[in-house]
């Protein structure tokens, strides 16, 4: 799958999780659910469409963990669990 980094594009959003959001968006826009059925990436994820590869679900979880780490004050000092 083509990623935004491979195209040489720069993100305007410089927030901490912006690169994960962009990767998830690009992954979802490449699926048949978004291309053929003309559904939004959010609708496709919520319906658990079979055309979505596991890579997109992994990016979704990584994006969630990144956003959660911003909110959770303990993780800023302790780091992620298991380390």
PDB file of N, CA and C in Angstrom:
ATOM      1  N   UNK A   1       0.830  -1.179   0.000  1.00  0.00           N
ATOM      2  CA  UNK A   1       0.000   0.000   0.000  1.00  0.00           C
ATOM      3  C   UNK A   1       0.877   1.247   0.000  1.00  0.00           C
ATOM      4  N   UNK A   2       0.428   2.251  -0.695  1.00  0.00           N
ATOM      5  CA  UNK A   2       1.159   3.500  -0.781  1.00  0.00           C
ATOM      6  C   UNK A   2       0.913   4.333   0.471  1.00  0.00           C
ATOM      7  N   UNK A   3       1.954   4.844   1.039  1.00  0.00           N
ATOM      8  CA  UNK A   3       1.855   5.682   2.226  1.00  0.00           C
ATOM      9  C   UNK A   3       2.168   7.118   1.842  1.00  0.00           C
ATOM     10  N   UNK A   4       1.762   8.037   2.672  1.00  0.00           N
ATOM     11  CA  UNK A   4       2.010   9.441   2.370  1.00  0.00           C
ATOM     12  C   UNK A   4       3.498   9.744   2.385  1.00  0.00           C
ATOM     13  N   UNK A   5       4.298   9.017   3.209  1.00  0.00           N
ATOM     14  CA  UNK A   5       5.742   9.276   3.264  1.00  0.00           C
ATOM     15  C   UNK A   5       6.423   8.873   1.962  1.00  0.00           C
ATOM     16  N   UNK A   6       5.916   7.816   1.321  1.00  0.00           N
ATOM     17  CA  UNK A   6       6.524   7.313   0.105  1.00  0.00           C
ATOM     18  C   UNK A   6       6.311   8.272  -1.068  1.00  0.00           C
ATOM     19  N   UNK A   7       5.278   9.086  -0.988  1.00  0.00           N
ATOM     20  CA  UNK A   7       5.003  10.034  -2.052  1.00  0.00           C
ATOM     21  C   UNK A   7       5.794  11.321  -1.880  1.00  0.00           C
ATOM     22  N   UNK A   8       6.486  11.471  -0.751  1.00  0.00           N
ATOM     23  CA  UNK A   8       7.288  12.652  -0.508  1.00  0.00           C
ATOM     24  C   UNK A   8       6.493  13.840  -0.021  1.00  0.00           C
ATOM     25  N   UNK A   9       5.288  13.591   0.467  1.00  0.00           N
ATOM     26  CA  UNK A   9       4.444  14.684   0.951  1.00  0.00           C
ATOM     27  C   UNK A   9       4.737  14.955   2.417  1.00  0.00           C
ATOM     28  N   UNK A  10       4.566  16.184   2.812  1.00  0.00           N
ATOM     29  CA  UNK A  10       4.749  16.589   4.199  1.00  0.00           C
ATOM     30  C   UNK A  10       3.393  16.867   4.821  1.00  0.00           C
ATOM     31  N   UNK A  11       3.254  16.559   6.095  1.00  0.00           N
ATOM     32  CA  UNK A  11       2.010  16.813   6.805  1.00  0.00           C
ATOM     33  C   UNK A  11       1.982  18.233   7.349  1.00  0.00           C
ATOM     34  N   UNK A  12       0.840  18.897   7.218  1.00  0.00           N
ATOM     35  CA  UNK A  12       0.678  20.212   7.827  1.00  0.00           C
ATOM     36  C   UNK A  12       0.482  20.065   9.331  1.00  0.00           C
ATOM     37  N   UNK A  13      -0.189  18.998   9.717  1.00  0.00           N
ATOM     38  CA  UNK A  13      -0.447  18.727  11.130  1.00  0.00           C
ATOM     39  C   UNK A  13       0.834  18.187  11.762  1.00  0.00           C
ATOM     40  N   UNK A  14       1.371  18.889  12.719  1.00  0.00           N
ATOM     41  CA  UNK A  14       2.618  18.482  13.372  1.00  0.00           C
ATOM     42  C   UNK A  14       2.375  17.872  14.745  1.00  0.00           C
ATOM     43  N   UNK A  15       1.136  17.473  15.024  1.00  0.00           N
ATOM     44  CA  UNK A  15       0.845  16.885  16.328  1.00  0.00           C
ATOM     45  C   UNK A  15       1.513  15.517  16.455  1.00  0.00           C
ATOM     46  N   UNK A  16       1.523  15.013  17.649  1.00  0.00           N
ATOM     47  CA  UNK A  16       2.278  13.817  17.960  1.00  0.00           C
ATOM     48  C   UNK A  16       1.805  12.571  17.209  1.00  0.00           C
ATOM     49  N   UNK A  17       0.525  12.452  16.975  1.00  0.00           N
ATOM     50  CA  UNK A  17      -0.023  11.250  16.335  1.00  0.00           C
ATOM     51  C   UNK A  17      -0.450  11.482  14.884  1.00  0.00           C
ATOM     52  N   UNK A  18      -0.070  12.594  14.296  1.00  0.00           N
ATOM     53  CA  UNK A  18      -0.513  12.948  12.947  1.00  0.00           C
ATOM     54  C   UNK A  18      -0.045  11.934  11.901  1.00  0.00           C
ATOM     55  N   UNK A  19       1.173  11.425  12.053  1.00  0.00           N
ATOM     56  CA  UNK A  19       1.679  10.467  11.071  1.00  0.00           C
ATOM     57  C   UNK A  19       0.874   9.163  11.096  1.00  0.00           C
ATOM     58  N   UNK A  20       0.418   8.757  12.277  1.00  0.00           N
ATOM     59  CA  UNK A  20      -0.398   7.547  12.371  1.00  0.00           C
ATOM     60  C   UNK A  20      -1.787   7.775  11.776  1.00  0.00           C
ATOM     61  N   UNK A  21      -2.361   8.948  12.025  1.00  0.00           N
ATOM     62  CA  UNK A  21      -3.665   9.286  11.459  1.00  0.00           C
ATOM     63  C   UNK A  21      -3.590   9.265   9.934  1.00  0.00           C
ATOM     64  N   UNK A  22      -2.540   9.840   9.371  1.00  0.00           N
ATOM     65  CA  UNK A  22      -2.382   9.881   7.917  1.00  0.00           C
ATOM     66  C   UNK A  22      -2.180   8.477   7.341  1.00  0.00           C
ATOM     67  N   UNK A  23      -1.406   7.660   8.026  1.00  0.00           N
ATOM     68  CA  UNK A  23      -1.181   6.287   7.548  1.00  0.00           C
ATOM     69  C   UNK A  23      -2.475   5.477   7.591  1.00  0.00           C
ATOM     70  N   UNK A  24      -3.249   5.641   8.669  1.00  0.00           N
ATOM     71  CA  UNK A  24      -4.528   4.939   8.780  1.00  0.00           C
ATOM     72  C   UNK A  24      -5.480   5.403   7.684  1.00  0.00           C
ATOM     73  N   UNK A  25      -5.521   6.687   7.435  1.00  0.00           N
ATOM     74  CA  UNK A  25      -6.397   7.224   6.396  1.00  0.00           C
ATOM     75  C   UNK A  25      -6.015   6.676   5.027  1.00  0.00           C
ATOM     76  N   UNK A  26      -4.730   6.666   4.709  1.00  0.00           N
ATOM     77  CA  UNK A  26      -4.282   6.147   3.417  1.00  0.00           C
ATOM     78  C   UNK A  26      -4.580   4.656   3.292  1.00  0.00           C
ATOM     79  N   UNK A  27      -4.388   3.920   4.377  1.00  0.00           N
ATOM     80  CA  UNK A  27      -4.675   2.481   4.363  1.00  0.00           C
ATOM     81  C   UNK A  27      -6.157   2.238   4.095  1.00  0.00           C
ATOM     82  N   UNK A  28      -7.010   2.998   4.761  1.00  0.00           N
ATOM     83  CA  UNK A  28      -8.450   2.815   4.606  1.00  0.00           C
ATOM     84  C   UNK A  28      -8.934   3.238   3.217  1.00  0.00           C
ATOM     85  N   UNK A  29      -8.365   4.295   2.676  1.00  0.00           N
ATOM     86  CA  UNK A  29      -8.811   4.765   1.359  1.00  0.00           C
ATOM     87  C   UNK A  29      -8.433   3.804   0.238  1.00  0.00           C
ATOM     88  N   UNK A  30      -7.493   2.899   0.489  1.00  0.00           N
ATOM     89  CA  UNK A  30      -7.090   1.897  -0.506  1.00  0.00           C
ATOM     90  C   UNK A  30      -7.981   0.654  -0.484  1.00  0.00           C
ATOM     91  N   UNK A  31      -8.876   0.521   0.490  1.00  0.00           N
ATOM     92  CA  UNK A  31      -9.708  -0.678   0.600  1.00  0.00           C
ATOM     93  C   UNK A  31     -10.862  -0.628  -0.394  1.00  0.00           C
ATOM     94  N   UNK A  32     -11.397  -1.798  -0.712  1.00  0.00           N
ATOM     95  CA  UNK A  32     -12.546  -1.882  -1.606  1.00  0.00           C
ATOM     96  C   UNK A  32     -13.780  -1.238  -0.986  1.00  0.00           C
ATOM     97  N   UNK A  33     -13.862  -1.280   0.317  1.00  0.00           N
ATOM     98  CA  UNK A  33     -15.003  -0.686   1.006  1.00  0.00           C
ATOM     99  C   UNK A  33     -15.101   0.807   0.695  1.00  0.00           C
ATOM    100  N   UNK A  34     -13.995   1.498   0.701  1.00  0.00           N
ATOM    101  CA  UNK A  34     -14.002   2.938   0.417  1.00  0.00           C
ATOM    102  C   UNK A  34     -14.013   3.225  -1.079  1.00  0.00           C
ATOM    103  N   UNK A  35     -13.294   2.426  -1.847  1.00  0.00           N
ATOM    104  CA  UNK A  35     -13.189   2.682  -3.286  1.00  0.00           C
ATOM    105  C   UNK A  35     -14.467   2.310  -4.037  1.00  0.00           C
ATOM    106  N   UNK A  36     -14.924   1.091  -3.854  1.00  0.00           N
ATOM    107  CA  UNK A  36     -16.038   0.573  -4.652  1.00  0.00           C
ATOM    108  C   UNK A  36     -17.390   0.924  -4.038  1.00  0.00           C
ATOM    109  N   UNK A  37     -17.512   0.727  -2.728  1.00  0.00           N
ATOM    110  CA  UNK A  37     -18.794   0.959  -2.075  1.00  0.00           C
ATOM    111  C   UNK A  37     -19.021   2.425  -1.730  1.00  0.00           C
ATOM    112  N   UNK A  38     -17.989   3.259  -1.907  1.00  0.00           N
ATOM    113  CA  UNK A  38     -18.083   4.705  -1.657  1.00  0.00           C
ATOM    114  C   UNK A  38     -18.558   5.017  -0.235  1.00  0.00           C
ATOM    115  N   UNK A  39     -18.012   4.284   0.726  1.00  0.00           N
ATOM    116  CA  UNK A  39     -18.328   4.533   2.126  1.00  0.00           C
ATOM    117  C   UNK A  39     -17.164   5.266   2.773  1.00  0.00           C
ATOM    118  N   UNK A  40     -17.431   5.898   3.890  1.00  0.00           N
ATOM    119  CA  UNK A  40     -16.366   6.610   4.597  1.00  0.00           C
ATOM    120  C   UNK A  40     -15.487   5.594   5.323  1.00  0.00           C
ATOM    121  N   UNK A  41     -14.230   5.939   5.568  1.00  0.00           N
ATOM    122  CA  UNK A  41     -13.361   5.025   6.314  1.00  0.00           C
ATOM    123  C   UNK A  41     -13.937   4.667   7.689  1.00  0.00           C
ATOM    124  N   UNK A  42     -14.557   5.632   8.336  1.00  0.00           N
ATOM    125  CA  UNK A  42     -15.161   5.367   9.646  1.00  0.00           C
ATOM    126  C   UNK A  42     -16.271   4.317   9.543  1.00  0.00           C
ATOM    127  N   UNK A  43     -17.150   4.449   8.548  1.00  0.00           N
ATOM    128  CA  UNK A  43     -18.220   3.473   8.358  1.00  0.00           C
ATOM    129  C   UNK A  43     -17.663   2.086   8.090  1.00  0.00           C
ATOM    130  N   UNK A  44     -16.618   2.028   7.297  1.00  0.00           N
ATOM    131  CA  UNK A  44     -16.005   0.734   6.973  1.00  0.00           C
ATOM    132  C   UNK A  44     -15.409   0.088   8.221  1.00  0.00           C
ATOM    133  N   UNK A  45     -14.721   0.883   9.048  1.00  0.00           N
ATOM    134  CA  UNK A  45     -14.132   0.342  10.267  1.00  0.00           C
ATOM    135  C   UNK A  45     -15.200  -0.126  11.243  1.00  0.00           C
ATOM    136  N   UNK A  46     -16.255   0.650  11.397  1.00  0.00           N
ATOM    137  CA  UNK A  46     -17.313   0.286  12.340  1.00  0.00           C
ATOM    138  C   UNK A  46     -18.086  -0.947  11.890  1.00  0.00           C
ATOM    139  N   UNK A  47     -18.232  -1.126  10.582  1.00  0.00           N
ATOM    140  CA  UNK A  47     -18.963  -2.296  10.075  1.00  0.00           C
ATOM    141  C   UNK A  47     -18.073  -3.535   9.975  1.00  0.00           C
ATOM    142  N   UNK A  48     -16.771  -3.361  10.214  1.00  0.00           N
ATOM    143  CA  UNK A  48     -15.799  -4.469  10.122  1.00  0.00           C
ATOM    144  C   UNK A  48     -15.893  -5.174   8.775  1.00  0.00           C
ATOM    145  N   UNK A  49     -15.824  -4.381   7.719  1.00  0.00           N
ATOM    146  CA  UNK A  49     -15.902  -4.877   6.350  1.00  0.00           C
ATOM    147  C   UNK A  49     -14.773  -5.872   6.093  1.00  0.00           C
ATOM    148  N   UNK A  50     -15.049  -6.993   5.410  1.00  0.00           N
ATOM    149  CA  UNK A  50     -14.005  -8.002   5.159  1.00  0.00           C
ATOM    150  C   UNK A  50     -12.897  -7.540   4.209  1.00  0.00           C
ATOM    151  N   UNK A  51     -13.106  -6.449   3.480  1.00  0.00           N
ATOM    152  CA  UNK A  51     -12.072  -5.985   2.550  1.00  0.00           C
ATOM    153  C   UNK A  51     -10.962  -5.215   3.263  1.00  0.00           C
ATOM    154  N   UNK A  52     -11.129  -4.925   4.550  1.00  0.00           N
ATOM    155  CA  UNK A  52     -10.121  -4.177   5.298  1.00  0.00           C
ATOM    156  C   UNK A  52      -9.031  -5.141   5.759  1.00  0.00           C
ATOM    157  N   UNK A  53      -7.769  -4.874   5.392  1.00  0.00           N
ATOM    158  CA  UNK A  53      -6.678  -5.771   5.811  1.00  0.00           C
ATOM    159  C   UNK A  53      -6.347  -5.582   7.300  1.00  0.00           C
ATOM    160  N   UNK A  54      -5.687  -6.585   7.851  1.00  0.00           N
ATOM    161  CA  UNK A  54      -5.294  -6.532   9.264  1.00  0.00           C
ATOM    162  C   UNK A  54      -4.352  -5.364   9.543  1.00  0.00           C
ATOM    163  N   UNK A  55      -3.597  -4.937   8.544  1.00  0.00           N
ATOM    164  CA  UNK A  55      -2.674  -3.821   8.709  1.00  0.00           C
ATOM    165  C   UNK A  55      -3.423  -2.549   9.114  1.00  0.00           C
ATOM    166  N   UNK A  56      -4.596  -2.330   8.543  1.00  0.00           N
ATOM    167  CA  UNK A  56      -5.388  -1.144   8.894  1.00  0.00           C
ATOM    168  C   UNK A  56      -5.885  -1.230  10.332  1.00  0.00           C
ATOM    169  N   UNK A  57      -6.287  -2.423  10.751  1.00  0.00           N
ATOM    170  CA  UNK A  57      -6.730  -2.582  12.137  1.00  0.00           C
ATOM    171  C   UNK A  57      -5.561  -2.375  13.101  1.00  0.00           C
ATOM    172  N   UNK A  58      -4.374  -2.820  12.711  1.00  0.00           N
ATOM    173  CA  UNK A  58      -3.193  -2.607  13.550  1.00  0.00           C
ATOM    174  C   UNK A  58      -2.858  -1.119  13.639  1.00  0.00           C
ATOM    175  N   UNK A  59      -2.966  -0.400  12.519  1.00  0.00           N
ATOM    176  CA  UNK A  59      -2.744   1.047  12.530  1.00  0.00           C
ATOM    177  C   UNK A  59      -3.785   1.754  13.391  1.00  0.00           C
ATOM    178  N   UNK A  60      -5.015   1.274  13.347  1.00  0.00           N
ATOM    179  CA  UNK A  60      -6.080   1.861  14.173  1.00  0.00           C
ATOM    180  C   UNK A  60      -5.749   1.709  15.648  1.00  0.00           C
ATOM    181  N   UNK A  61      -5.294   0.525  16.048  1.00  0.00           N
ATOM    182  CA  UNK A  61      -4.947   0.286  17.447  1.00  0.00           C
ATOM    183  C   UNK A  61      -3.732   1.128  17.859  1.00  0.00           C
ATOM    184  N   UNK A  62      -2.751   1.232  16.992  1.00  0.00           N
ATOM    185  CA  UNK A  62      -1.568   2.043  17.280  1.00  0.00           C
ATOM    186  C   UNK A  62      -1.936   3.509  17.416  1.00  0.00           C
ATOM    187  N   UNK A  63      -2.836   3.991  16.551  1.00  0.00           N
ATOM    188  CA  UNK A  63      -3.301   5.370  16.629  1.00  0.00           C
ATOM    189  C   UNK A  63      -4.048   5.601  17.942  1.00  0.00           C
ATOM    190  N   UNK A  64      -4.898   4.641  18.330  1.00  0.00           N
ATOM    191  CA  UNK A  64      -5.614   4.744  19.599  1.00  0.00           C
ATOM    192  C   UNK A  64      -4.637   4.809  20.767  1.00  0.00           C
ATOM    193  N   UNK A  65      -3.628   3.939  20.757  1.00  0.00           N
ATOM    194  CA  UNK A  65      -2.636   3.937  21.838  1.00  0.00           C
ATOM    195  C   UNK A  65      -1.870   5.253  21.897  1.00  0.00           C
ATOM    196  N   UNK A  66      -1.564   5.818  20.737  1.00  0.00           N
ATOM    197  CA  UNK A  66      -0.859   7.097  20.695  1.00  0.00           C
ATOM    198  C   UNK A  66      -1.717   8.195  21.297  1.00  0.00           C
ATOM    199  N   UNK A  67      -2.982   8.271  20.904  1.00  0.00           N
ATOM    200  CA  UNK A  67      -3.874   9.291  21.448  1.00  0.00           C
ATOM    201  C   UNK A  67      -4.088   9.081  22.950  1.00  0.00           C
ATOM    202  N   UNK A  68      -4.181   7.843  23.371  1.00  0.00           N
ATOM    203  CA  UNK A  68      -4.375   7.546  24.790  1.00  0.00           C
ATOM    204  C   UNK A  68      -3.154   7.948  25.607  1.00  0.00           C
ATOM    205  N   UNK A  69      -1.977   7.794  25.040  1.00  0.00           N
ATOM    206  CA  UNK A  69      -0.763   8.150  25.772  1.00  0.00           C
ATOM    207  C   UNK A  69      -0.659   9.651  25.992  1.00  0.00           C
ATOM    208  N   UNK A  70      -1.280  10.442  25.131  1.00  0.00           N
ATOM    209  CA  UNK A  70      -1.291  11.894  25.309  1.00  0.00           C
ATOM    210  C   UNK A  70      -2.166  12.267  26.500  1.00  0.00           C
ATOM    211  N   UNK A  71      -3.280  11.568  26.641  1.00  0.00           N
ATOM    212  CA  UNK A  71      -4.244  11.876  27.697  1.00  0.00           C
ATOM    213  C   UNK A  71      -3.797  11.322  29.046  1.00  0.00           C
ATOM    214  N   UNK A  72      -3.263  10.122  29.067  1.00  0.00           N
ATOM    215  CA  UNK A  72      -2.892   9.443  30.307  1.00  0.00           C
ATOM    216  C   UNK A  72      -1.603  10.046  30.863  1.00  0.00           C
ATOM    217  N   UNK A  73      -1.704  10.784  31.951  1.00  0.00           N
ATOM    218  CA  UNK A  73      -0.550  11.444  32.551  1.00  0.00           C
ATOM    219  C   UNK A  73       0.486  10.483  33.086  1.00  0.00           C
ATOM    220  N   UNK A  74       0.068   9.327  33.573  1.00  0.00           N
ATOM    221  CA  UNK A  74       1.026   8.358  34.124  1.00  0.00           C
ATOM    222  C   UNK A  74       1.964   7.821  33.056  1.00  0.00           C
ATOM    223  N   UNK A  75       1.456   7.639  31.839  1.00  0.00           N
ATOM    224  CA  UNK A  75       2.288   7.082  30.768  1.00  0.00           C
ATOM    225  C   UNK A  75       3.382   8.043  30.333  1.00  0.00           C
ATOM    226  N   UNK A  76       3.156   9.327  30.531  1.00  0.00           N
ATOM    227  CA  UNK A  76       4.195  10.289  30.162  1.00  0.00           C
ATOM    228  C   UNK A  76       5.441  10.085  30.998  1.00  0.00           C
ATOM    229  N   UNK A  77       5.267   9.673  32.257  1.00  0.00           N
ATOM    230  CA  UNK A  77       6.405   9.482  33.154  1.00  0.00           C
ATOM    231  C   UNK A  77       6.903   8.045  33.146  1.00  0.00           C
ATOM    232  N   UNK A  78       6.004   7.099  33.098  1.00  0.00           N
ATOM    233  CA  UNK A  78       6.368   5.679  33.195  1.00  0.00           C
ATOM    234  C   UNK A  78       6.655   5.020  31.856  1.00  0.00           C
ATOM    235  N   UNK A  79       6.101   5.541  30.800  1.00  0.00           N
ATOM    236  CA  UNK A  79       6.254   4.918  29.504  1.00  0.00           C
ATOM    237  C   UNK A  79       5.182   3.871  29.294  1.00  0.00           C
ATOM    238  N   UNK A  80       5.171   3.232  28.123  1.00  0.00           N
ATOM    239  CA  UNK A  80       4.156   2.211  27.861  1.00  0.00           C
ATOM    240  C   UNK A  80       4.328   0.992  28.754  1.00  0.00           C
ATOM    241  N   UNK A  81       3.233   0.278  28.992  1.00  0.00           N
ATOM    242  CA  UNK A  81       3.256  -0.905  29.842  1.00  0.00           C
ATOM    243  C   UNK A  81       4.161  -1.975  29.227  1.00  0.00           C
ATOM    244  N   UNK A  82       4.821  -2.721  30.080  1.00  0.00           N
ATOM    245  CA  UNK A  82       5.642  -3.831  29.614  1.00  0.00           C
ATOM    246  C   UNK A  82       7.097  -3.476  29.381  1.00  0.00           C
ATOM    247  N   UNK A  83       7.477  -2.238  29.613  1.00  0.00           N
ATOM    248  CA  UNK A  83       8.872  -1.842  29.396  1.00  0.00           C
ATOM    249  C   UNK A  83       9.566  -1.586  30.689  1.00  0.00           C
TER     250      UNK A  83
END
